[in-house]
Amino acid sequence: MKRTRFTDEQIIGILSEHEAGAKCEDLCRKHGMSEGTFDNW
C-alpha cells in the first residue's frame, strides 16, 4: 500500500482553502506539493 505524505484532515484543509478562493499554484508552493498531486485530489 502506498504511503501518503498528507493526512486526510490536511487534504480537506487544503481543498477547502482552494474552494475559498486560493490559487492552486500558491497552495502547492505553500504546502510543498506538486500540482499533479493537487489534481489527483
C-alpha atoms as a PDB file:
ATOM      1  CA  MET A   1       0.000   0.000   0.000  1.00  0.00           C
ATOM      2  CA  LYS A   2       1.261   3.434  -0.915  1.00  0.00           C
ATOM      3  CA  ARG A   3       2.062   5.808   1.949  1.00  0.00           C
ATOM      4  CA  THR A   4       0.713   9.317   1.746  1.00  0.00           C
ATOM      5  CA  ARG A   5       2.523  12.386   2.931  1.00  0.00           C
ATOM      6  CA  PHE A   6      -0.638  14.219   3.951  1.00  0.00           C
ATOM      7  CA  THR A   7      -3.339  13.089   6.361  1.00  0.00           C
ATOM      8  CA  ASP A   8      -6.995  13.184   5.409  1.00  0.00           C
ATOM      9  CA  GLU A   9      -7.505  16.247   7.606  1.00  0.00           C
ATOM     10  CA  GLN A  10      -4.678  18.109   5.849  1.00  0.00           C
ATOM     11  CA  ILE A  11      -6.079  17.247   2.413  1.00  0.00           C
ATOM     12  CA  ILE A  12      -9.523  18.502   3.410  1.00  0.00           C
ATOM     13  CA  GLY A  13      -7.985  21.698   4.770  1.00  0.00           C
ATOM     14  CA  ILE A  14      -6.029  22.365   1.591  1.00  0.00           C
ATOM     15  CA  LEU A  15      -9.052  21.693  -0.627  1.00  0.00           C
ATOM     16  CA  SER A  16     -11.235  23.982   1.491  1.00  0.00           C
ATOM     17  CA  GLU A  17      -8.607  26.740   1.118  1.00  0.00           C
ATOM     18  CA  HIS A  18      -8.894  26.277  -2.649  1.00  0.00           C
ATOM     19  CA  GLU A  19     -12.687  26.483  -2.503  1.00  0.00           C
ATOM     20  CA  ALA A  20     -12.348  29.709  -0.501  1.00  0.00           C
ATOM     21  CA  GLY A  21     -10.526  31.269  -3.445  1.00  0.00           C
ATOM     22  CA  ALA A  22      -6.801  30.471  -3.081  1.00  0.00           C
ATOM     23  CA  LYS A  23      -4.952  29.682  -6.311  1.00  0.00           C
ATOM     24  CA  CYS A  24      -3.734  26.139  -6.895  1.00  0.00           C
ATOM     25  CA  GLU A  25      -0.138  27.188  -7.581  1.00  0.00           C
ATOM     26  CA  ASP A  26       0.005  29.237  -4.365  1.00  0.00           C
ATOM     27  CA  LEU A  27      -1.325  26.340  -2.286  1.00  0.00           C
ATOM     28  CA  CYS A  28       1.140  23.902  -3.851  1.00  0.00           C
ATOM     29  CA  ARG A  29       4.049  26.206  -3.078  1.00  0.00           C
ATOM     30  CA  LYS A  30       2.832  26.849   0.477  1.00  0.00           C
ATOM     31  CA  HIS A  31       2.385  23.151   1.335  1.00  0.00           C
ATOM     32  CA  GLY A  32       5.315  21.786  -0.675  1.00  0.00           C
ATOM     33  CA  MET A  33       3.486  19.570  -3.133  1.00  0.00           C
ATOM     34  CA  SER A  34       3.178  19.305  -6.893  1.00  0.00           C
ATOM     35  CA  GLU A  35       0.242  20.490  -8.930  1.00  0.00           C
ATOM     36  CA  GLY A  36      -0.175  16.906 -10.143  1.00  0.00           C
ATOM     37  CA  THR A  37      -0.846  15.771  -6.597  1.00  0.00           C
ATOM     38  CA  PHE A  38      -3.400  18.536  -6.179  1.00  0.00           C
ATOM     39  CA  ASP A  39      -5.124  17.499  -9.422  1.00  0.00           C
ATOM     40  CA  ASN A  40      -5.305  13.890  -8.211  1.00  0.00           C
ATOM     41  CA  TRP A  41      -7.149  15.006  -5.084  1.00  0.00           C
END
